Amino acid sequence: LLTYVRDHYQNVTNPSRYLSPTAFNYARELCLTGRYAEALDIAELGQRLCLDYGYCQSLPGLLAVMAECRYAMGEYEQSRALYCQAYYLFKETGNASGLADVEEKARKHLNLEFSLQGALV
C-alpha cells in the first residue's frame, strides 16, 4: 500500500496527507509483529513527510511507534525522548486514546510519568 500511494500520489499538492497515515499504519503493524528495524525506518519516513509538508496529524502516532521500536531495540534514552514528544503532541491535539496508550507504555516499559509542571503553556 505504501508503494502504491507513493507511486500514484506523486503529483498531489500535499503527498503527506496520504503518505504519513499510510506510513503510520504500516509501521505500527510491523512493530506489532516484532519487525522493529523496518517499523522504525517506515515511521522515520512518515515523520520526515509530516515535517517536510506540514501535515502532522500522524506525527504523534509515528513518534509513539518509534519510541516502541527504540525500546524493543534496547535504546532506552531515545525511547524515553520519543515517548515524551508523542505524549505532549497527543496532549496538545486532544487525542485521548493515543495519550492513554503512550502513558501506559511509557509507564510499563520505562517507569516514566508525565507532568505539565514546569512546562511552558
PDB file of N, CA and C in Angstrom:
ATOM      1  N   LEU A   1       0.830  -1.201   0.000  1.00  0.00           N
ATOM      2  CA  LEU A   1       0.000   0.000   0.000  1.00  0.00           C
ATOM      3  C   LEU A   1       0.865   1.253   0.000  1.00  0.00           C
ATOM      4  N   LEU A   2       1.927   1.231   0.801  1.00  0.00           N
ATOM      5  CA  LEU A   2       2.819   2.387   0.856  1.00  0.00           C
ATOM      6  C   LEU A   2       3.429   2.661  -0.517  1.00  0.00           C
ATOM      7  N   THR A   3       3.869   1.618  -1.204  1.00  0.00           N
ATOM      8  CA  THR A   3       4.436   1.773  -2.544  1.00  0.00           C
ATOM      9  C   THR A   3       3.391   2.301  -3.511  1.00  0.00           C
ATOM     10  N   TYR A   4       2.175   1.792  -3.426  1.00  0.00           N
ATOM     11  CA  TYR A   4       1.093   2.254  -4.297  1.00  0.00           C
ATOM     12  C   TYR A   4       0.824   3.737  -4.080  1.00  0.00           C
ATOM     13  N   VAL A   5       0.678   4.128  -2.842  1.00  0.00           N
ATOM     14  CA  VAL A   5       0.393   5.531  -2.540  1.00  0.00           C
ATOM     15  C   VAL A   5       1.553   6.406  -2.995  1.00  0.00           C
ATOM     16  N   ARG A   6       2.767   5.958  -2.732  1.00  0.00           N
ATOM     17  CA  ARG A   6       3.951   6.721  -3.140  1.00  0.00           C
ATOM     18  C   ARG A   6       3.984   6.898  -4.657  1.00  0.00           C
ATOM     19  N   ASP A   7       3.674   5.840  -5.401  1.00  0.00           N
ATOM     20  CA  ASP A   7       3.726   5.894  -6.866  1.00  0.00           C
ATOM     21  C   ASP A   7       2.570   6.670  -7.490  1.00  0.00           C
ATOM     22  N   HIS A   8       1.383   6.583  -6.903  1.00  0.00           N
ATOM     23  CA  HIS A   8       0.203   7.166  -7.530  1.00  0.00           C
ATOM     24  C   HIS A   8      -0.184   8.552  -7.018  1.00  0.00           C
ATOM     25  N   TYR A   9       0.468   9.020  -5.991  1.00  0.00           N
ATOM     26  CA  TYR A   9       0.121  10.327  -5.438  1.00  0.00           C
ATOM     27  C   TYR A   9       1.279  11.309  -5.531  1.00  0.00           C
ATOM     28  N   GLN A  10       2.174  11.089  -6.502  1.00  0.00           N
ATOM     29  CA  GLN A  10       3.345  11.947  -6.644  1.00  0.00           C
ATOM     30  C   GLN A  10       2.985  13.380  -7.015  1.00  0.00           C
ATOM     31  N   ASN A  11       1.952  13.561  -7.793  1.00  0.00           N
ATOM     32  CA  ASN A  11       1.599  14.892  -8.267  1.00  0.00           C
ATOM     33  C   ASN A  11       0.557  15.582  -7.397  1.00  0.00           C
ATOM     34  N   VAL A  12       0.242  14.992  -6.271  1.00  0.00           N
ATOM     35  CA  VAL A  12      -0.704  15.596  -5.348  1.00  0.00           C
ATOM     36  C   VAL A  12      -0.002  16.747  -4.637  1.00  0.00           C
ATOM     37  N   THR A  13      -0.738  17.822  -4.397  1.00  0.00           N
ATOM     38  CA  THR A  13      -0.156  19.007  -3.771  1.00  0.00           C
ATOM     39  C   THR A  13       0.488  18.699  -2.435  1.00  0.00           C
ATOM     40  N   ASN A  14      -0.166  17.905  -1.615  1.00  0.00           N
ATOM     41  CA  ASN A  14       0.353  17.602  -0.283  1.00  0.00           C
ATOM     42  C   ASN A  14       0.402  16.083  -0.098  1.00  0.00           C
ATOM     43  N   PRO A  15       1.469  15.431  -0.579  1.00  0.00           N
ATOM     44  CA  PRO A  15       1.526  13.969  -0.500  1.00  0.00           C
ATOM     45  C   PRO A  15       1.550  13.440   0.931  1.00  0.00           C
ATOM     46  N   SER A  16       1.962  14.266   1.893  1.00  0.00           N
ATOM     47  CA  SER A  16       1.999  13.822   3.281  1.00  0.00           C
ATOM     48  C   SER A  16       0.611  13.489   3.805  1.00  0.00           C
ATOM     49  N   ARG A  17      -0.406  14.141   3.272  1.00  0.00           N
ATOM     50  CA  ARG A  17      -1.781  13.882   3.703  1.00  0.00           C
ATOM     51  C   ARG A  17      -2.156  12.412   3.478  1.00  0.00           C
ATOM     52  N   TYR A  18      -1.543  11.775   2.481  1.00  0.00           N
ATOM     53  CA  TYR A  18      -1.834  10.377   2.184  1.00  0.00           C
ATOM     54  C   TYR A  18      -0.723   9.439   2.655  1.00  0.00           C
ATOM     55  N   LEU A  19       0.510   9.881   2.496  1.00  0.00           N
ATOM     56  CA  LEU A  19       1.635   9.005   2.808  1.00  0.00           C
ATOM     57  C   LEU A  19       1.878   8.844   4.301  1.00  0.00           C
ATOM     58  N   SER A  20       1.766   9.914   5.076  1.00  0.00           N
ATOM     59  CA  SER A  20       2.095   9.786   6.500  1.00  0.00           C
ATOM     60  C   SER A  20       1.116   8.881   7.253  1.00  0.00           C
ATOM     61  N   PRO A  21      -0.214   8.932   7.011  1.00  0.00           N
ATOM     62  CA  PRO A  21      -1.076   7.959   7.688  1.00  0.00           C
ATOM     63  C   PRO A  21      -0.811   6.523   7.229  1.00  0.00           C
ATOM     64  N   THR A  22      -0.473   6.377   5.960  1.00  0.00           N
ATOM     65  CA  THR A  22      -0.149   5.041   5.439  1.00  0.00           C
ATOM     66  C   THR A  22       1.130   4.532   6.103  1.00  0.00           C
ATOM     67  N   ALA A  23       2.128   5.414   6.215  1.00  0.00           N
ATOM     68  CA  ALA A  23       3.381   5.035   6.879  1.00  0.00           C
ATOM     69  C   ALA A  23       3.122   4.679   8.346  1.00  0.00           C
ATOM     70  N   PHE A  24       2.273   5.459   9.018  1.00  0.00           N
ATOM     71  CA  PHE A  24       1.953   5.173  10.417  1.00  0.00           C
ATOM     72  C   PHE A  24       1.332   3.787  10.564  1.00  0.00           C
ATOM     73  N   ASN A  25       0.326   3.482   9.767  1.00  0.00           N
ATOM     74  CA  ASN A  25      -0.351   2.187   9.877  1.00  0.00           C
ATOM     75  C   ASN A  25       0.581   1.027   9.548  1.00  0.00           C
ATOM     76  N   TYR A  26       1.405   1.189   8.534  1.00  0.00           N
ATOM     77  CA  TYR A  26       2.344   0.138   8.160  1.00  0.00           C
ATOM     78  C   TYR A  26       3.395  -0.060   9.256  1.00  0.00           C
ATOM     79  N   ALA A  27       3.948   1.049   9.764  1.00  0.00           N
ATOM     80  CA  ALA A  27       4.960   0.968  10.818  1.00  0.00           C
ATOM     81  C   ALA A  27       4.375   0.326  12.072  1.00  0.00           C
ATOM     82  N   ARG A  28       3.149   0.681  12.416  1.00  0.00           N
ATOM     83  CA  ARG A  28       2.510   0.107  13.602  1.00  0.00           C
ATOM     84  C   ARG A  28       2.352  -1.404  13.454  1.00  0.00           C
ATOM     85  N   GLU A  29       1.948  -1.860  12.287  1.00  0.00           N
ATOM     86  CA  GLU A  29       1.790  -3.300  12.053  1.00  0.00           C
ATOM     87  C   GLU A  29       3.135  -4.019  12.092  1.00  0.00           C
ATOM     88  N   LEU A  30       4.157  -3.411  11.500  1.00  0.00           N
ATOM     89  CA  LEU A  30       5.493  -4.013  11.563  1.00  0.00           C
ATOM     90  C   LEU A  30       5.973  -4.111  13.004  1.00  0.00           C
ATOM     91  N   CYS A  31       5.711  -3.078  13.782  1.00  0.00           N
ATOM     92  CA  CYS A  31       6.108  -3.075  15.194  1.00  0.00           C
ATOM     93  C   CYS A  31       5.383  -4.183  15.958  1.00  0.00           C
ATOM     94  N   LEU A  32       4.103  -4.333  15.707  1.00  0.00           N
ATOM     95  CA  LEU A  32       3.317  -5.362  16.389  1.00  0.00           C
ATOM     96  C   LEU A  32       3.792  -6.774  16.067  1.00  0.00           C
ATOM     97  N   THR A  33       4.397  -6.942  14.894  1.00  0.00           N
ATOM     98  CA  THR A  33       4.892  -8.265  14.512  1.00  0.00           C
ATOM     99  C   THR A  33       6.365  -8.459  14.863  1.00  0.00           C
ATOM    100  N   GLY A  34       6.951  -7.465  15.564  1.00  0.00           N
ATOM    101  CA  GLY A  34       8.332  -7.605  16.016  1.00  0.00           C
ATOM    102  C   GLY A  34       9.383  -7.240  14.989  1.00  0.00           C
ATOM    103  N   ARG A  35       8.987  -6.613  13.912  1.00  0.00           N
ATOM    104  CA  ARG A  35       9.936  -6.200  12.880  1.00  0.00           C
ATOM    105  C   ARG A  35      10.330  -4.741  13.149  1.00  0.00           C
ATOM    106  N   TYR A  36      11.070  -4.545  14.238  1.00  0.00           N
ATOM    107  CA  TYR A  36      11.318  -3.210  14.780  1.00  0.00           C
ATOM    108  C   TYR A  36      12.176  -2.326  13.889  1.00  0.00           C
ATOM    109  N   ALA A  37      13.215  -2.857  13.294  1.00  0.00           N
ATOM    110  CA  ALA A  37      14.084  -2.038  12.443  1.00  0.00           C
ATOM    111  C   ALA A  37      13.320  -1.525  11.225  1.00  0.00           C
ATOM    112  N   GLU A  38      12.525  -2.390  10.611  1.00  0.00           N
ATOM    113  CA  GLU A  38      11.713  -1.979   9.461  1.00  0.00           C
ATOM    114  C   GLU A  38      10.660  -0.962   9.876  1.00  0.00           C
ATOM    115  N   ALA A  39      10.018  -1.211  10.998  1.00  0.00           N
ATOM    116  CA  ALA A  39       8.999  -0.301  11.507  1.00  0.00           C
ATOM    117  C   ALA A  39       9.602   1.067  11.776  1.00  0.00           C
ATOM    118  N   LEU A  40      10.790   1.088  12.351  1.00  0.00           N
ATOM    119  CA  LEU A  40      11.463   2.345  12.651  1.00  0.00           C
ATOM    120  C   LEU A  40      11.777   3.116  11.369  1.00  0.00           C
ATOM    121  N   ASP A  41      12.256   2.423  10.345  1.00  0.00           N
ATOM    122  CA  ASP A  41      12.547   3.080   9.059  1.00  0.00           C
ATOM    123  C   ASP A  41      11.293   3.711   8.462  1.00  0.00           C
ATOM    124  N   ILE A  42      10.195   2.981   8.479  1.00  0.00           N
ATOM    125  CA  ILE A  42       8.939   3.480   7.906  1.00  0.00           C
ATOM    126  C   ILE A  42       8.404   4.637   8.744  1.00  0.00           C
ATOM    127  N   ALA A  43       8.469   4.531  10.057  1.00  0.00           N
ATOM    128  CA  ALA A  43       7.996   5.609  10.935  1.00  0.00           C
ATOM    129  C   ALA A  43       8.838   6.871  10.742  1.00  0.00           C
ATOM    130  N   GLU A  44      10.146   6.716  10.576  1.00  0.00           N
ATOM    131  CA  GLU A  44      11.003   7.880  10.332  1.00  0.00           C
ATOM    132  C   GLU A  44      10.689   8.520   8.985  1.00  0.00           C
ATOM    133  N   LEU A  45      10.359   7.718   7.980  1.00  0.00           N
ATOM    134  CA  LEU A  45       9.918   8.249   6.694  1.00  0.00           C
ATOM    135  C   LEU A  45       8.642   9.077   6.886  1.00  0.00           C
ATOM    136  N   GLY A  46       7.691   8.530   7.615  1.00  0.00           N
ATOM    137  CA  GLY A  46       6.445   9.246   7.885  1.00  0.00           C
ATOM    138  C   GLY A  46       6.697  10.544   8.635  1.00  0.00           C
ATOM    139  N   GLN A  47       7.610  10.515   9.600  1.00  0.00           N
ATOM    140  CA  GLN A  47       7.949  11.722  10.351  1.00  0.00           C
ATOM    141  C   GLN A  47       8.524  12.787   9.416  1.00  0.00           C
ATOM    142  N   ARG A  48       9.446  12.388   8.550  1.00  0.00           N
ATOM    143  CA  ARG A  48      10.037  13.343   7.602  1.00  0.00           C
ATOM    144  C   ARG A  48       8.967  13.944   6.698  1.00  0.00           C
ATOM    145  N   LEU A  49       8.032  13.109   6.234  1.00  0.00           N
ATOM    146  CA  LEU A  49       6.952  13.610   5.382  1.00  0.00           C
ATOM    147  C   LEU A  49       6.096  14.626   6.129  1.00  0.00           C
ATOM    148  N   CYS A  50       5.757  14.317   7.372  1.00  0.00           N
ATOM    149  CA  CYS A  50       4.966  15.250   8.176  1.00  0.00           C
ATOM    150  C   CYS A  50       5.674  16.592   8.295  1.00  0.00           C
ATOM    151  N   LEU A  51       6.941  16.558   8.623  1.00  0.00           N
ATOM    152  CA  LEU A  51       7.684  17.791   8.853  1.00  0.00           C
ATOM    153  C   LEU A  51       7.981  18.536   7.557  1.00  0.00           C
ATOM    154  N   ASP A  52       8.249  17.810   6.480  1.00  0.00           N
ATOM    155  CA  ASP A  52       8.535  18.463   5.195  1.00  0.00           C
ATOM    156  C   ASP A  52       7.313  19.166   4.617  1.00  0.00           C
ATOM    157  N   TYR A  53       6.130  18.568   4.791  1.00  0.00           N
ATOM    158  CA  TYR A  53       4.934  19.104   4.158  1.00  0.00           C
ATOM    159  C   TYR A  53       3.985  19.797   5.129  1.00  0.00           C
ATOM    160  N   GLY A  54       4.282  19.750   6.421  1.00  0.00           N
ATOM    161  CA  GLY A  54       3.479  20.467   7.398  1.00  0.00           C
ATOM    162  C   GLY A  54       2.121  19.856   7.685  1.00  0.00           C
ATOM    163  N   TYR A  55       1.896  18.626   7.308  1.00  0.00           N
ATOM    164  CA  TYR A  55       0.651  17.922   7.635  1.00  0.00           C
ATOM    165  C   TYR A  55       1.003  16.901   8.706  1.00  0.00           C
ATOM    166  N   CYS A  56       0.721  17.248   9.949  1.00  0.00           N
ATOM    167  CA  CYS A  56       1.287  16.498  11.074  1.00  0.00           C
ATOM    168  C   CYS A  56       0.276  15.710  11.892  1.00  0.00           C
ATOM    169  N   GLN A  57      -0.864  15.387  11.329  1.00  0.00           N
ATOM    170  CA  GLN A  57      -1.874  14.643  12.079  1.00  0.00           C
ATOM    171  C   GLN A  57      -1.352  13.288  12.542  1.00  0.00           C
ATOM    172  N   SER A  58      -0.523  12.649  11.762  1.00  0.00           N
ATOM    173  CA  SER A  58       0.008  11.326  12.104  1.00  0.00           C
ATOM    174  C   SER A  58       1.271  11.384  12.946  1.00  0.00           C
ATOM    175  N   LEU A  59       1.824  12.574  13.136  1.00  0.00           N
ATOM    176  CA  LEU A  59       3.121  12.694  13.799  1.00  0.00           C
ATOM    177  C   LEU A  59       3.159  12.113  15.211  1.00  0.00           C
ATOM    178  N   PRO A  60       2.194  12.380  16.094  1.00  0.00           N
ATOM    179  CA  PRO A  60       2.283  11.789  17.437  1.00  0.00           C
ATOM    180  C   PRO A  60       2.288  10.256  17.409  1.00  0.00           C
ATOM    181  N   GLY A  61       1.472   9.670  16.547  1.00  0.00           N
ATOM    182  CA  GLY A  61       1.442   8.214  16.433  1.00  0.00           C
ATOM    183  C   GLY A  61       2.745   7.649  15.894  1.00  0.00           C
ATOM    184  N   LEU A  62       3.320   8.344  14.931  1.00  0.00           N
ATOM    185  CA  LEU A  62       4.605   7.915  14.386  1.00  0.00           C
ATOM    186  C   LEU A  62       5.690   7.970  15.458  1.00  0.00           C
ATOM    187  N   LEU A  63       5.684   9.021  16.261  1.00  0.00           N
ATOM    188  CA  LEU A  63       6.660   9.128  17.346  1.00  0.00           C
ATOM    189  C   LEU A  63       6.468   8.014  18.370  1.00  0.00           C
ATOM    190  N   ALA A  64       5.214   7.668  18.646  1.00  0.00           N
ATOM    191  CA  ALA A  64       4.936   6.581  19.591  1.00  0.00           C
ATOM    192  C   ALA A  64       5.445   5.243  19.050  1.00  0.00           C
ATOM    193  N   VAL A  65       5.262   5.002  17.770  1.00  0.00           N
ATOM    194  CA  VAL A  65       5.774   3.773  17.159  1.00  0.00           C
ATOM    195  C   VAL A  65       7.301   3.769  17.227  1.00  0.00           C
ATOM    196  N   MET A  66       7.914   4.900  16.933  1.00  0.00           N
ATOM    197  CA  MET A  66       9.374   4.994  17.008  1.00  0.00           C
ATOM    198  C   MET A  66       9.861   4.730  18.429  1.00  0.00           C
ATOM    199  N   ALA A  67       9.140   5.247  19.421  1.00  0.00           N
ATOM    200  CA  ALA A  67       9.504   5.016  20.825  1.00  0.00           C
ATOM    201  C   ALA A  67       9.427   3.538  21.170  1.00  0.00           C
ATOM    202  N   GLU A  68       8.370   2.885  20.730  1.00  0.00           N
ATOM    203  CA  GLU A  68       8.192   1.455  20.994  1.00  0.00           C
ATOM    204  C   GLU A  68       9.313   0.646  20.342  1.00  0.00           C
ATOM    205  N   CYS A  69       9.655   0.995  19.108  1.00  0.00           N
ATOM    206  CA  CYS A  69      10.726   0.292  18.405  1.00  0.00           C
ATOM    207  C   CYS A  69      12.075   0.491  19.096  1.00  0.00           C
ATOM    208  N   ARG A  70      12.361   1.738  19.466  1.00  0.00           N
ATOM    209  CA  ARG A  70      13.629   2.029  20.150  1.00  0.00           C
ATOM    210  C   ARG A  70      13.712   1.266  21.469  1.00  0.00           C
ATOM    211  N   TYR A  71      12.600   1.202  22.193  1.00  0.00           N
ATOM    212  CA  TYR A  71      12.589   0.454  23.448  1.00  0.00           C
ATOM    213  C   TYR A  71      12.891  -1.025  23.175  1.00  0.00           C
ATOM    214  N   ALA A  72      12.209  -1.608  22.194  1.00  0.00           N
ATOM    215  CA  ALA A  72      12.395  -3.025  21.882  1.00  0.00           C
ATOM    216  C   ALA A  72      13.819  -3.326  21.410  1.00  0.00           C
ATOM    217  N   MET A  73      14.467  -2.318  20.839  1.00  0.00           N
ATOM    218  CA  MET A  73      15.832  -2.490  20.351  1.00  0.00           C
ATOM    219  C   MET A  73      16.872  -2.155  21.431  1.00  0.00           C
ATOM    220  N   GLY A  74      16.403  -1.853  22.652  1.00  0.00           N
ATOM    221  CA  GLY A  74      17.306  -1.585  23.766  1.00  0.00           C
ATOM    222  C   GLY A  74      17.841  -0.166  23.821  1.00  0.00           C
ATOM    223  N   GLU A  75      17.275   0.728  23.054  1.00  0.00           N
ATOM    224  CA  GLU A  75      17.721   2.122  23.010  1.00  0.00           C
ATOM    225  C   GLU A  75      16.801   2.952  23.908  1.00  0.00           C
ATOM    226  N   TYR A  76      17.010   2.840  25.208  1.00  0.00           N
ATOM    227  CA  TYR A  76      16.069   3.353  26.196  1.00  0.00           C
ATOM    228  C   TYR A  76      16.016   4.878  26.274  1.00  0.00           C
ATOM    229  N   GLU A  77      17.131   5.548  26.136  1.00  0.00           N
ATOM    230  CA  GLU A  77      17.121   7.012  26.211  1.00  0.00           C
ATOM    231  C   GLU A  77      16.394   7.615  25.007  1.00  0.00           C
ATOM    232  N   GLN A  78      16.638   7.071  23.817  1.00  0.00           N
ATOM    233  CA  GLN A  78      15.922   7.549  22.632  1.00  0.00           C
ATOM    234  C   GLN A  78      14.437   7.264  22.774  1.00  0.00           C
ATOM    235  N   SER A  79      14.110   6.093  23.315  1.00  0.00           N
ATOM    236  CA  SER A  79      12.716   5.729  23.535  1.00  0.00           C
ATOM    237  C   SER A  79      12.046   6.714  24.489  1.00  0.00           C
ATOM    238  N   ARG A  80      12.723   7.042  25.554  1.00  0.00           N
ATOM    239  CA  ARG A  80      12.190   7.984  26.548  1.00  0.00           C
ATOM    240  C   ARG A  80      11.885   9.341  25.892  1.00  0.00           C
ATOM    241  N   ALA A  81      12.829   9.853  25.123  1.00  0.00           N
ATOM    242  CA  ALA A  81      12.641  11.151  24.463  1.00  0.00           C
ATOM    243  C   ALA A  81      11.466  11.108  23.484  1.00  0.00           C
ATOM    244  N   LEU A  82      11.354  10.022  22.733  1.00  0.00           N
ATOM    245  CA  LEU A  82      10.263   9.892  21.765  1.00  0.00           C
ATOM    246  C   LEU A  82       8.912   9.744  22.452  1.00  0.00           C
ATOM    247  N   TYR A  83       8.860   8.987  23.546  1.00  0.00           N
ATOM    248  CA  TYR A  83       7.611   8.879  24.308  1.00  0.00           C
ATOM    249  C   TYR A  83       7.178  10.257  24.820  1.00  0.00           C
ATOM    250  N   CYS A  84       8.130  11.046  25.294  1.00  0.00           N
ATOM    251  CA  CYS A  84       7.797  12.392  25.781  1.00  0.00           C
ATOM    252  C   CYS A  84       7.250  13.265  24.655  1.00  0.00           C
ATOM    253  N   GLN A  85       7.884  13.227  23.507  1.00  0.00           N
ATOM    254  CA  GLN A  85       7.405  14.020  22.366  1.00  0.00           C
ATOM    255  C   GLN A  85       6.003  13.581  21.958  1.00  0.00           C
ATOM    256  N   ALA A  86       5.795  12.281  21.871  1.00  0.00           N
ATOM    257  CA  ALA A  86       4.473  11.757  21.485  1.00  0.00           C
ATOM    258  C   ALA A  86       3.421  12.157  22.507  1.00  0.00           C
ATOM    259  N   TYR A  87       3.762  12.041  23.787  1.00  0.00           N
ATOM    260  CA  TYR A  87       2.821  12.375  24.851  1.00  0.00           C
ATOM    261  C   TYR A  87       2.340  13.818  24.728  1.00  0.00           C
ATOM    262  N   TYR A  88       3.283  14.741  24.615  1.00  0.00           N
ATOM    263  CA  TYR A  88       2.891  16.147  24.586  1.00  0.00           C
ATOM    264  C   TYR A  88       2.164  16.522  23.295  1.00  0.00           C
ATOM    265  N   LEU A  89       2.476  15.876  22.186  1.00  0.00           N
ATOM    266  CA  LEU A  89       1.716  16.135  20.956  1.00  0.00           C
ATOM    267  C   LEU A  89       0.304  15.557  21.058  1.00  0.00           C
ATOM    268  N   PHE A  90       0.168  14.354  21.607  1.00  0.00           N
ATOM    269  CA  PHE A  90      -1.170  13.802  21.822  1.00  0.00           C
ATOM    270  C   PHE A  90      -1.961  14.694  22.772  1.00  0.00           C
ATOM    271  N   LYS A  91      -1.316  15.192  23.802  1.00  0.00           N
ATOM    272  CA  LYS A  91      -1.970  16.071  24.773  1.00  0.00           C
ATOM    273  C   LYS A  91      -2.446  17.349  24.087  1.00  0.00           C
ATOM    274  N   GLU A  92      -1.589  17.949  23.297  1.00  0.00           N
ATOM    275  CA  GLU A  92      -1.910  19.204  22.622  1.00  0.00           C
ATOM    276  C   GLU A  92      -3.035  19.048  21.603  1.00  0.00           C
ATOM    277  N   THR A  93      -3.061  17.910  20.916  1.00  0.00           N
ATOM    278  CA  THR A  93      -4.086  17.704  19.896  1.00  0.00           C
ATOM    279  C   THR A  93      -5.377  17.126  20.463  1.00  0.00           C
ATOM    280  N   GLY A  94      -5.376  16.791  21.749  1.00  0.00           N
ATOM    281  CA  GLY A  94      -6.593  16.280  22.382  1.00  0.00           C
ATOM    282  C   GLY A  94      -6.928  14.847  22.015  1.00  0.00           C
ATOM    283  N   ASN A  95      -5.938  14.070  21.624  1.00  0.00           N
ATOM    284  CA  ASN A  95      -6.155  12.671  21.257  1.00  0.00           C
ATOM    285  C   ASN A  95      -6.051  11.814  22.522  1.00  0.00           C
ATOM    286  N   ALA A  96      -7.193  11.607  23.171  1.00  0.00           N
ATOM    287  CA  ALA A  96      -7.221  10.920  24.471  1.00  0.00           C
ATOM    288  C   ALA A  96      -6.776   9.463  24.376  1.00  0.00           C
ATOM    289  N   SER A  97      -7.156   8.756  23.327  1.00  0.00           N
ATOM    290  CA  SER A  97      -6.779   7.340  23.232  1.00  0.00           C
ATOM    291  C   SER A  97      -5.280   7.194  22.990  1.00  0.00           C
ATOM    292  N   GLY A  98      -4.710   8.025  22.124  1.00  0.00           N
ATOM    293  CA  GLY A  98      -3.269   7.995  21.898  1.00  0.00           C
ATOM    294  C   GLY A  98      -2.503   8.381  23.144  1.00  0.00           C
ATOM    295  N   LEU A  99      -3.021   9.373  23.854  1.00  0.00           N
ATOM    296  CA  LEU A  99      -2.404   9.829  25.093  1.00  0.00           C
ATOM    297  C   LEU A  99      -2.377   8.711  26.135  1.00  0.00           C
ATOM    298  N   ALA A 100      -3.509   8.040  26.304  1.00  0.00           N
ATOM    299  CA  ALA A 100      -3.590   6.948  27.280  1.00  0.00           C
ATOM    300  C   ALA A 100      -2.649   5.803  26.908  1.00  0.00           C
ATOM    301  N   ASP A 101      -2.561   5.495  25.622  1.00  0.00           N
ATOM    302  CA  ASP A 101      -1.685   4.413  25.162  1.00  0.00           C
ATOM    303  C   ASP A 101      -0.221   4.743  25.439  1.00  0.00           C
ATOM    304  N   VAL A 102       0.188   5.970  25.140  1.00  0.00           N
ATOM    305  CA  VAL A 102       1.574   6.378  25.379  1.00  0.00           C
ATOM    306  C   VAL A 102       1.877   6.386  26.871  1.00  0.00           C
ATOM    307  N   GLU A 103       0.950   6.903  27.682  1.00  0.00           N
ATOM    308  CA  GLU A 103       1.155   6.909  29.135  1.00  0.00           C
ATOM    309  C   GLU A 103       1.352   5.490  29.665  1.00  0.00           C
ATOM    310  N   GLU A 104       0.503   4.578  29.209  1.00  0.00           N
ATOM    311  CA  GLU A 104       0.577   3.192  29.683  1.00  0.00           C
ATOM    312  C   GLU A 104       1.900   2.531  29.292  1.00  0.00           C
ATOM    313  N   LYS A 105       2.279   2.670  28.024  1.00  0.00           N
ATOM    314  CA  LYS A 105       3.507   2.014  27.558  1.00  0.00           C
ATOM    315  C   LYS A 105       4.753   2.628  28.178  1.00  0.00           C
ATOM    316  N   ALA A 106       4.775   3.956  28.313  1.00  0.00           N
ATOM    317  CA  ALA A 106       5.943   4.615  28.913  1.00  0.00           C
ATOM    318  C   ALA A 106       6.078   4.228  30.384  1.00  0.00           C
ATOM    319  N   ARG A 107       4.956   4.112  31.067  1.00  0.00           N
ATOM    320  CA  ARG A 107       4.987   3.711  32.481  1.00  0.00           C
ATOM    321  C   ARG A 107       5.443   2.257  32.602  1.00  0.00           C
ATOM    322  N   LYS A 108       4.887   1.401  31.748  1.00  0.00           N
ATOM    323  CA  LYS A 108       5.194  -0.033  31.797  1.00  0.00           C
ATOM    324  C   LYS A 108       6.656  -0.309  31.423  1.00  0.00           C
ATOM    325  N   HIS A 109       7.115   0.291  30.333  1.00  0.00           N
ATOM    326  CA  HIS A 109       8.460  -0.002  29.835  1.00  0.00           C
ATOM    327  C   HIS A 109       9.559   0.739  30.592  1.00  0.00           C
ATOM    328  N   LEU A 110       9.337   2.021  30.859  1.00  0.00           N
ATOM    329  CA  LEU A 110      10.422   2.863  31.359  1.00  0.00           C
ATOM    330  C   LEU A 110      10.141   3.490  32.721  1.00  0.00           C
ATOM    331  N   ASN A 111       9.011   3.126  33.320  1.00  0.00           N
ATOM    332  CA  ASN A 111       8.610   3.714  34.593  1.00  0.00           C
ATOM    333  C   ASN A 111       8.584   5.246  34.494  1.00  0.00           C
ATOM    334  N   LEU A 112       8.093   5.737  33.357  1.00  0.00           N
ATOM    335  CA  LEU A 112       8.085   7.161  33.046  1.00  0.00           C
ATOM    336  C   LEU A 112       6.711   7.743  33.343  1.00  0.00           C
ATOM    337  N   GLU A 113       6.689   8.797  34.131  1.00  0.00           N
ATOM    338  CA  GLU A 113       5.452   9.517  34.464  1.00  0.00           C
ATOM    339  C   GLU A 113       5.531  10.908  33.840  1.00  0.00           C
ATOM    340  N   PHE A 114       4.414  11.385  33.317  1.00  0.00           N
ATOM    341  CA  PHE A 114       4.383  12.684  32.666  1.00  0.00           C
ATOM    342  C   PHE A 114       3.721  13.721  33.554  1.00  0.00           C
ATOM    343  N   SER A 115       4.201  14.948  33.443  1.00  0.00           N
ATOM    344  CA  SER A 115       3.649  16.053  34.209  1.00  0.00           C
ATOM    345  C   SER A 115       3.807  17.328  33.409  1.00  0.00           C
ATOM    346  N   LEU A 116       2.851  18.212  33.528  1.00  0.00           N
ATOM    347  CA  LEU A 116       2.975  19.510  32.856  1.00  0.00           C
ATOM    348  C   LEU A 116       3.613  20.547  33.770  1.00  0.00           C
ATOM    349  N   GLN A 117       3.985  20.168  34.963  1.00  0.00           N
ATOM    350  CA  GLN A 117       4.615  21.119  35.873  1.00  0.00           C
ATOM    351  C   GLN A 117       5.935  21.586  35.291  1.00  0.00           C
ATOM    352  N   GLY A 118       6.108  22.879  35.275  1.00  0.00           N
ATOM    353  CA  GLY A 118       7.345  23.445  34.756  1.00  0.00           C
ATOM    354  C   GLY A 118       7.359  23.597  33.245  1.00  0.00           C
ATOM    355  N   ALA A 119       6.342  23.085  32.575  1.00  0.00           N
ATOM    356  CA  ALA A 119       6.285  23.220  31.121  1.00  0.00           C
ATOM    357  C   ALA A 119       5.672  24.575  30.769  1.00  0.00           C
ATOM    358  N   LEU A 120       6.141  25.143  29.700  1.00  0.00           N
ATOM    359  CA  LEU A 120       5.549  26.387  29.233  1.00  0.00           C
ATOM    360  C   LEU A 120       4.219  26.072  28.580  1.00  0.00           C
ATOM    361  N   VAL A 121       3.192  26.750  29.010  1.00  0.00           N
ATOM    362  CA  VAL A 121       1.860  26.503  28.454  1.00  0.00           C
ATOM    363  C   VAL A 121       1.423  27.703  27.662  1.00  0.00           C
TER     364      VAL A 121
END
